[in-house]
């Protein structure tokens, strides 16, 4: 799916990869905006050469060529990259317009180092961020608890030899489908989401049931001590099914579906948003 995003009232061509769940951005469009170059293609060609000279060996690993529509209405192969790649490229652009991005990256890096030394800071910053977005304190407390429950589960998985990345995603998908009746991808589509974090768009009840599924999976895993991914898959389904049965009981009593189409736009209360400090 292709799209156009506006940056400082200027267009940036984008592409949403449904399979990878990643946004890709036209690099020359961003360069044109940040540099005001009359020849952004030439600028990008020179910048690629500079990055290679600086020893950025992974440059071509972060670039993909996608057919995007040009001003003449025709589609041409265009150098694109995802968010992470784009931020890396922006760091190498000597332009005043790029400075806010560079300062933000420096701040994020500093905060990550602080959080490694004092993990409690990550919860404080999460609270501040969610408040600024307009979430209620009741919802935020549930969300922060869900982060704690999730961390306990992933720690347990790592103890059992489960690898981060694809294996985590597989097990998470099993748990989610067992309790909600939908895979993570189906759940996101149900809420009209793309790259967003699914939990940030759950209602209080959805969060509680998701926590129950993950906490139960964690406890079963601690008792059964699985040694293979297949064994962990069985346990993931067991944990999710317990929460799924609870969901069905709630639905039977209330006559309403627990897994709703509500997302953050609907969940956030209509109160003034707080500014981040």
Protein backbone atom coordinates (compact mmCIF):
# COMPACT_ATOMS: atom_id res chain seq x y z
CA UNK A 1 0.00 0.00 0.00
CA UNK A 2 1.44 3.39 -1.02
CA UNK A 3 0.68 6.67 0.66
CA UNK A 4 1.75 10.30 0.95
CA UNK A 5 2.77 11.88 4.24
CA UNK A 6 3.24 15.58 4.86
CA UNK A 7 6.36 16.97 6.51
CA UNK A 8 6.48 20.73 6.98
CA UNK A 9 3.68 20.95 4.37
CA UNK A 10 5.80 19.01 1.85
CA UNK A 11 5.08 15.55 0.52
CA UNK A 12 7.04 12.44 1.42
CA UNK A 13 6.10 9.32 -0.51
CA UNK A 14 5.69 6.28 1.71
CA UNK A 15 4.91 2.59 1.39
CA UNK A 16 3.38 0.30 4.02
CA UNK A 17 4.70 -3.28 3.89
CA UNK A 18 1.80 -5.39 5.15
CA UNK A 19 3.92 -8.50 5.60
CA UNK A 20 6.82 -6.89 7.51
CA UNK A 21 4.59 -4.30 9.19
CA UNK A 22 7.03 -1.52 8.30
CA UNK A 23 6.69 1.95 6.80
CA UNK A 24 9.19 2.76 4.05
CA UNK A 25 10.01 6.35 3.10
CA UNK A 26 11.35 7.86 -0.12
CA UNK A 27 14.87 8.96 0.80
CA UNK A 28 15.17 11.67 -1.86
CA UNK A 29 11.87 13.24 -0.73
CA UNK A 30 13.21 13.58 2.82
CA UNK A 31 16.56 14.89 1.55
CA UNK A 32 14.81 17.50 -0.58
CA UNK A 33 12.91 18.75 2.47
CA UNK A 34 15.86 18.79 4.88
CA UNK A 35 18.41 20.30 2.47
CA UNK A 36 16.31 22.41 0.07
CA UNK A 37 18.53 20.88 -2.62
CA UNK A 38 17.64 21.62 -6.25
CA UNK A 39 18.96 18.18 -7.13
CA UNK A 40 18.10 15.77 -4.29
CA UNK A 41 19.01 12.74 -6.42
CA UNK A 42 22.55 14.04 -6.89
CA UNK A 43 22.71 14.94 -3.18
CA UNK A 44 21.68 11.40 -2.25
CA UNK A 45 24.23 9.92 -4.67
CA UNK A 46 27.00 11.99 -3.07
CA UNK A 47 25.76 11.16 0.43
CA UNK A 48 25.81 7.42 -0.32
CA UNK A 49 29.43 7.75 -1.42
CA UNK A 50 30.25 9.67 1.76
CA UNK A 51 28.57 7.06 3.97
CA UNK A 52 30.53 4.28 2.28
CA UNK A 53 33.79 6.20 2.84
CA UNK A 54 32.86 6.57 6.52
CA UNK A 55 32.66 2.79 6.75
CA UNK A 56 28.89 2.46 6.88
CA UNK A 57 29.01 -1.06 5.43
CA UNK A 58 25.37 -1.86 6.08
CA UNK A 59 24.12 0.98 3.86
CA UNK A 60 22.66 -1.24 1.16
CA UNK A 61 21.14 -3.52 3.77
CA UNK A 62 18.80 -0.72 4.87
CA UNK A 63 17.84 0.45 1.36
CA UNK A 64 15.10 -1.14 -0.71
CA UNK A 65 13.94 -0.07 -4.15
CA UNK A 66 10.18 0.35 -4.44
CA UNK A 67 8.04 1.57 -7.30
CA UNK A 68 6.58 4.90 -6.19
CA UNK A 69 4.49 7.32 -8.19
CA UNK A 70 6.37 10.39 -9.47
CA UNK A 71 5.02 13.83 -10.35
CA UNK A 72 4.35 12.67 -13.94
CA UNK A 73 1.93 10.04 -12.64
CA UNK A 74 4.20 7.13 -13.55
CA UNK A 75 5.83 4.74 -11.08
CA UNK A 76 9.61 4.46 -10.87
CA UNK A 77 12.00 2.44 -8.74
CA UNK A 78 12.95 4.68 -5.82
CA UNK A 79 15.46 4.24 -2.99
CA UNK A 80 13.49 3.80 0.24
CA UNK A 81 14.28 2.88 3.83
CA UNK A 82 12.40 2.18 7.05
CA UNK A 83 12.25 4.49 10.06
CA UNK A 84 15.47 3.22 11.64
CA UNK A 85 17.40 3.53 8.38
CA UNK A 86 16.01 6.99 7.72
CA UNK A 87 17.11 8.26 11.13
CA UNK A 88 20.61 6.88 10.50
CA UNK A 89 20.80 8.68 7.15
CA UNK A 90 19.49 11.94 8.65
CA UNK A 91 22.39 11.88 11.14
CA UNK A 92 24.76 12.36 8.20
CA UNK A 93 22.94 15.34 6.67
CA UNK A 94 24.64 18.66 7.60
CA UNK A 95 21.51 20.79 7.59
CA UNK A 96 19.88 23.02 10.26
CA UNK A 97 16.58 21.29 9.49
CA UNK A 98 18.12 17.94 10.44
CA UNK A 99 19.33 19.20 13.82
CA UNK A 100 16.02 18.57 15.70
CA UNK A 101 16.20 14.92 14.62
CA UNK A 102 19.82 14.63 15.74
CA UNK A 103 19.06 16.22 19.11
CA UNK A 104 16.12 13.87 19.58
CA UNK A 105 18.29 10.84 18.78
CA UNK A 106 20.92 12.02 21.27
CA UNK A 107 18.25 12.49 23.95
CA UNK A 108 16.76 9.04 23.31
CA UNK A 109 20.21 7.47 23.51
CA UNK A 110 20.95 9.24 26.79
CA UNK A 111 17.62 8.14 28.28
CA UNK A 112 18.21 4.52 27.28
CA UNK A 113 21.58 4.55 29.10
CA UNK A 114 19.89 6.04 32.18
CA UNK A 115 17.16 3.39 32.08
CA UNK A 116 19.73 0.59 31.87
CA UNK A 117 21.23 1.90 35.11
CA UNK A 118 17.85 2.53 36.77
CA UNK A 119 14.99 0.52 35.14
CA UNK A 120 12.41 2.35 37.27
CA UNK A 121 13.01 5.43 35.13
CA UNK A 122 11.49 3.66 32.10
CA UNK A 123 8.19 3.29 33.98
CA UNK A 124 8.28 6.94 35.06
CA UNK A 125 8.85 8.07 31.47
CA UNK A 126 6.15 5.72 30.20
CA UNK A 127 3.68 7.20 32.71
CA UNK A 128 4.58 10.72 31.60
CA UNK A 129 4.25 9.81 27.91
CA UNK A 130 0.85 8.14 28.30
CA UNK A 131 -0.46 11.05 30.40
CA UNK A 132 0.71 13.47 27.70
CA UNK A 133 -1.25 11.46 25.12
CA UNK A 134 -4.40 11.77 27.21
CA UNK A 135 -4.85 8.26 28.62
CA UNK A 136 -6.58 7.95 31.99
CA UNK A 137 -4.52 7.06 35.06
CA UNK A 138 -6.57 3.90 35.52
CA UNK A 139 -5.70 2.74 31.99
CA UNK A 140 -2.05 3.70 32.43
CA UNK A 141 -1.76 1.66 35.63
CA UNK A 142 -3.11 -1.37 33.79
CA UNK A 143 -0.74 -0.75 30.87
CA UNK A 144 2.33 -0.46 33.10
CA UNK A 145 1.32 -3.64 34.89
CA UNK A 146 1.03 -5.36 31.53
CA UNK A 147 4.62 -4.34 30.74
CA UNK A 148 5.77 -5.94 34.00
CA UNK A 149 3.84 -9.14 33.24
CA UNK A 150 5.21 -9.24 29.70
CA UNK A 151 8.79 -8.82 30.95
CA UNK A 152 8.34 -11.72 33.38
CA UNK A 153 7.11 -13.90 30.52
CA UNK A 154 9.94 -12.99 28.13
CA UNK A 155 12.49 -13.59 30.90
CA UNK A 156 10.97 -17.04 31.39
CA UNK A 157 11.11 -17.74 27.66
CA UNK A 158 14.77 -16.79 27.53
CA UNK A 159 15.50 -19.18 30.40
CA UNK A 160 13.92 -21.94 28.30
CA UNK A 161 16.09 -21.14 25.29
CA UNK A 162 13.45 -19.29 23.28
CA UNK A 163 15.08 -16.77 20.94
CA UNK A 164 14.05 -13.14 20.78
CA UNK A 165 12.51 -11.96 17.55
CA UNK A 166 10.69 -14.52 15.46
CA UNK A 167 10.28 -17.13 18.24
CA UNK A 168 8.86 -14.51 20.63
CA UNK A 169 6.48 -13.37 17.88
CA UNK A 170 5.32 -16.94 17.20
CA UNK A 171 4.55 -17.62 20.86
CA UNK A 172 2.88 -14.23 21.31
CA UNK A 173 0.68 -14.95 18.31
CA UNK A 174 -0.35 -18.31 19.78
CA UNK A 175 -1.24 -16.75 23.14
CA UNK A 176 -3.16 -13.89 21.52
CA UNK A 177 -5.19 -16.15 19.25
CA UNK A 178 -5.96 -18.57 22.10
CA UNK A 179 -7.44 -15.87 24.35
CA UNK A 180 -8.89 -13.41 21.82
CA UNK A 181 -9.79 -15.66 18.91
CA UNK A 182 -7.61 -13.54 16.62
CA UNK A 183 -3.95 -13.59 15.59
CA UNK A 184 -1.96 -10.44 16.34
CA UNK A 185 -2.28 -9.35 12.70
CA UNK A 186 -6.04 -10.01 12.67
CA UNK A 187 -6.39 -8.16 15.98
CA UNK A 188 -4.56 -5.13 14.58
CA UNK A 189 -6.69 -5.15 11.44
CA UNK A 190 -9.78 -5.34 13.66
CA UNK A 191 -8.68 -2.13 15.38
CA UNK A 192 -7.50 -0.53 12.11
CA UNK A 193 -3.86 -0.48 13.21
CA UNK A 194 -0.60 -0.92 11.33
CA UNK A 195 2.77 -0.60 13.07
CA UNK A 196 1.31 0.62 16.38
CA UNK A 197 1.72 -1.39 19.58
CA UNK A 198 -1.47 -3.44 19.94
CA UNK A 199 -1.51 -3.13 23.75
CA UNK A 200 -1.59 0.66 23.50
CA UNK A 201 -4.95 0.29 21.79
CA UNK A 202 -6.57 -2.22 24.14
CA UNK A 203 -9.38 -1.40 26.54
CA UNK A 204 -8.90 -2.07 30.27
CA UNK A 205 -10.67 -5.41 29.94
CA UNK A 206 -8.61 -6.46 26.93
CA UNK A 207 -5.42 -5.56 28.81
CA UNK A 208 -6.52 -7.57 31.86
CA UNK A 209 -7.27 -10.67 29.80
CA UNK A 210 -4.03 -10.33 27.85
CA UNK A 211 -2.16 -10.10 31.16
CA UNK A 212 -3.99 -13.16 32.46
CA UNK A 213 -2.99 -15.10 29.34
CA UNK A 214 0.67 -14.09 29.60
CA UNK A 215 0.93 -14.51 33.37
CA UNK A 216 -0.69 -17.95 33.17
CA UNK A 217 1.65 -18.98 30.36
CA UNK A 218 4.61 -17.84 32.45
CA UNK A 219 3.49 -19.84 35.51
CA UNK A 220 2.84 -23.02 33.50
CA UNK A 221 6.25 -22.68 31.84
CA UNK A 222 7.97 -22.32 35.22
CA UNK A 223 6.35 -25.58 36.39
CA UNK A 224 6.79 -27.64 33.22
CA UNK A 225 10.23 -26.27 32.24
CA UNK A 226 9.98 -26.78 28.46
CA UNK A 227 13.23 -27.44 26.58
CA UNK A 228 12.08 -26.88 22.98
CA UNK A 229 10.12 -24.25 21.08
CA UNK A 230 7.41 -26.81 20.28
CA UNK A 231 6.92 -27.50 24.00
CA UNK A 232 6.69 -23.74 24.65
CA UNK A 233 4.08 -23.48 21.88
CA UNK A 234 1.88 -26.01 23.69
CA UNK A 235 2.22 -24.08 26.93
CA UNK A 236 1.48 -20.77 25.17
CA UNK A 237 -1.78 -22.20 23.87
CA UNK A 238 -2.67 -23.53 27.32
CA UNK A 239 -2.09 -20.16 28.97
CA UNK A 240 -4.01 -18.30 26.29
CA UNK A 241 -6.90 -20.76 26.39
CA UNK A 242 -7.44 -20.21 30.11
CA UNK A 243 -7.83 -16.47 29.50
CA UNK A 244 -9.93 -17.26 26.41
CA UNK A 245 -12.38 -19.26 28.51
CA UNK A 246 -12.66 -16.31 30.88
CA UNK A 247 -13.36 -14.03 27.91
CA UNK A 248 -16.16 -16.31 26.72
CA UNK A 249 -17.71 -16.36 30.20
CA UNK A 250 -17.64 -12.56 30.37
CA UNK A 251 -19.22 -12.31 26.93
CA UNK A 252 -21.92 -14.81 27.92
CA UNK A 253 -22.80 -12.75 31.00
CA UNK A 254 -22.64 -9.30 29.40
CA UNK A 255 -23.82 -10.13 25.90
CA UNK A 256 -21.01 -7.99 24.49
CA UNK A 257 -17.79 -8.82 22.67
CA UNK A 258 -14.62 -8.23 24.70
CA UNK A 259 -12.34 -7.85 21.68
CA UNK A 260 -13.51 -4.49 20.45
CA UNK A 261 -12.74 -2.28 17.48
CA UNK A 262 -11.87 0.55 19.87
CA UNK A 263 -8.37 1.94 19.51
CA UNK A 264 -6.49 4.73 21.27
CA UNK A 265 -8.61 7.43 19.60
CA UNK A 266 -11.69 5.98 21.29
CA UNK A 267 -10.03 4.93 24.56
CA UNK A 268 -8.37 8.25 25.39
CA UNK A 269 -10.67 10.47 27.40
CA UNK A 270 -11.47 13.90 26.05
CA UNK A 271 -9.38 15.76 28.59
CA UNK A 272 -6.61 18.25 27.74
CA UNK A 273 -3.31 16.58 26.93
CA UNK A 274 -0.38 17.33 29.21
CA UNK A 275 2.88 18.61 27.81
CA UNK A 276 5.95 16.44 28.21
CA UNK A 277 8.57 18.01 30.44
